[in-house]
């Protein structure tokens, strides 16, 4: 599975669980951290945990497990690091505070409109 396919698969999982403000940003050309960031917002801390749990579960069913994960204690920002793809799930307040959308604005926004149905 390519890093783009993984990012889109994570986005599909998040979308199926009603994540808000879903975005995939290609950062390969602006950073060595990863190829893609997947950003999603949950409506509450419980929703954030649920979104992250479901993403980890479904990708795990495909044999993909995060090399690192953070934030489960706070439930306001959960990070799942799959190497070339990093999934960030925030509460709206945390997403506004950390503002990764602005920090990575030089990245390429992946058009999910035809990939997620």
Protein backbone atom coordinates (compact mmCIF):
# COMPACT_ATOMS: atom_id res chain seq x y z
CA UNK A 1 0.00 0.00 0.00
CA UNK A 2 1.41 3.39 -0.96
CA UNK A 3 1.50 6.23 1.54
CA UNK A 4 -1.25 8.03 -0.41
CA UNK A 5 -3.45 4.91 -0.32
CA UNK A 6 -2.86 4.63 3.44
CA UNK A 7 -3.72 8.30 3.99
CA UNK A 8 -6.91 7.95 1.93
CA UNK A 9 -7.86 4.75 3.75
CA UNK A 10 -7.43 6.50 7.12
CA UNK A 11 -9.53 9.40 5.83
CA UNK A 12 -12.28 6.98 4.72
CA UNK A 13 -12.34 5.36 8.15
CA UNK A 14 -12.53 8.74 9.86
CA UNK A 15 -15.25 9.89 7.49
CA UNK A 16 -17.31 6.76 8.19
CA UNK A 17 -17.27 7.69 11.88
CA UNK A 18 -18.43 11.26 11.22
CA UNK A 19 -15.12 13.10 11.62
CA UNK A 20 -15.38 16.82 10.86
CA UNK A 21 -13.08 19.03 8.78
CA UNK A 22 -11.24 16.06 7.27
CA UNK A 23 -8.07 16.96 5.41
CA UNK A 24 -5.12 15.10 3.89
CA UNK A 25 -2.02 17.22 3.34
CA UNK A 26 0.91 16.01 1.27
CA UNK A 27 4.05 17.21 3.05
CA UNK A 28 6.67 15.11 1.27
CA UNK A 29 8.05 18.14 -0.59
CA UNK A 30 8.22 20.39 2.48
CA UNK A 31 9.34 18.03 5.27
CA UNK A 32 11.10 14.77 6.01
CA UNK A 33 8.65 13.96 8.82
CA UNK A 34 6.21 12.04 6.63
CA UNK A 35 4.60 11.95 3.20
CA UNK A 36 1.08 12.81 4.41
CA UNK A 37 -0.71 14.22 7.42
CA UNK A 38 -4.33 13.26 7.92
CA UNK A 39 -6.21 15.83 10.02
CA UNK A 40 -9.65 15.26 11.51
CA UNK A 41 -11.81 16.87 14.16
CA UNK A 42 -14.05 15.10 16.63
CA UNK A 43 -17.06 16.71 18.26
CA UNK A 44 -15.97 15.78 21.81
CA UNK A 45 -13.09 14.10 23.63
CA UNK A 46 -15.07 10.84 23.51
CA UNK A 47 -15.52 11.21 19.75
CA UNK A 48 -11.78 11.91 19.32
CA UNK A 49 -10.91 8.69 21.15
CA UNK A 50 -13.53 6.76 19.17
CA UNK A 51 -12.17 8.08 15.86
CA UNK A 52 -8.60 7.18 16.77
CA UNK A 53 -9.60 3.75 18.11
CA UNK A 54 -11.55 2.89 14.96
CA UNK A 55 -8.74 4.05 12.68
CA UNK A 56 -6.19 2.00 14.62
CA UNK A 57 -8.50 -1.03 14.70
CA UNK A 58 -9.42 -1.04 11.00
CA UNK A 59 -5.87 -0.39 9.79
CA UNK A 60 -4.69 -3.07 12.22
CA UNK A 61 -7.11 -5.51 10.57
CA UNK A 62 -5.15 -4.84 7.36
CA UNK A 63 -1.88 -5.58 9.14
CA UNK A 64 -0.93 -1.92 9.61
CA UNK A 65 -0.07 -0.83 13.13
CA UNK A 66 1.18 2.58 14.25
CA UNK A 67 4.84 2.73 15.15
CA UNK A 68 3.98 5.36 17.72
CA UNK A 69 0.85 6.85 19.23
CA UNK A 70 0.28 9.72 21.61
CA UNK A 71 -2.50 11.65 23.28
CA UNK A 72 -4.89 8.95 24.46
CA UNK A 73 -4.75 10.33 28.01
CA UNK A 74 -5.75 13.84 27.01
CA UNK A 75 -8.39 12.86 24.43
CA UNK A 76 -8.05 16.31 22.88
CA UNK A 77 -5.41 15.34 20.32
CA UNK A 78 -4.54 11.77 19.39
CA UNK A 79 -1.64 11.09 17.04
CA UNK A 80 -1.17 7.79 15.20
CA UNK A 81 2.19 7.55 13.42
CA UNK A 82 2.30 5.05 10.57
CA UNK A 83 5.72 6.18 9.34
CA UNK A 84 4.98 7.90 6.05
CA UNK A 85 1.47 8.83 7.21
CA UNK A 86 0.64 10.57 10.48
CA UNK A 87 -2.99 10.74 11.57
CA UNK A 88 -4.00 13.61 13.86
CA UNK A 89 -7.43 13.58 15.51
CA UNK A 90 -8.35 16.71 17.47
CA UNK A 91 -11.12 18.33 19.38
CA UNK A 92 -12.08 21.58 17.66
CA UNK A 93 -10.41 23.62 20.40
CA UNK A 94 -7.12 21.70 20.09
CA UNK A 95 -7.15 21.87 16.31
CA UNK A 96 -7.58 25.63 16.46
CA UNK A 97 -4.86 25.95 19.11
CA UNK A 98 -2.20 23.87 17.32
CA UNK A 99 -3.31 25.09 13.87
CA UNK A 100 -1.52 22.42 11.83
CA UNK A 101 -3.63 23.50 8.86
CA UNK A 102 -1.76 26.82 8.83
CA UNK A 103 1.63 25.36 9.80
CA UNK A 104 1.53 22.96 6.85
CA UNK A 105 -0.15 25.32 4.37
CA UNK A 106 2.78 24.86 1.98
CA UNK A 107 1.83 21.20 1.64
CA UNK A 108 -0.42 19.87 -1.11
CA UNK A 109 -4.08 19.41 -0.17
CA UNK A 110 -5.34 16.07 -1.47
CA UNK A 111 -8.79 16.33 -3.05
CA UNK A 112 -10.82 13.72 -1.19
CA UNK A 113 -14.12 14.50 -2.92
CA UNK A 114 -13.81 11.65 -5.44
CA UNK A 115 -12.00 9.26 -3.09
CA UNK A 116 -14.51 9.25 -0.24
CA UNK A 117 -18.08 8.38 -1.06
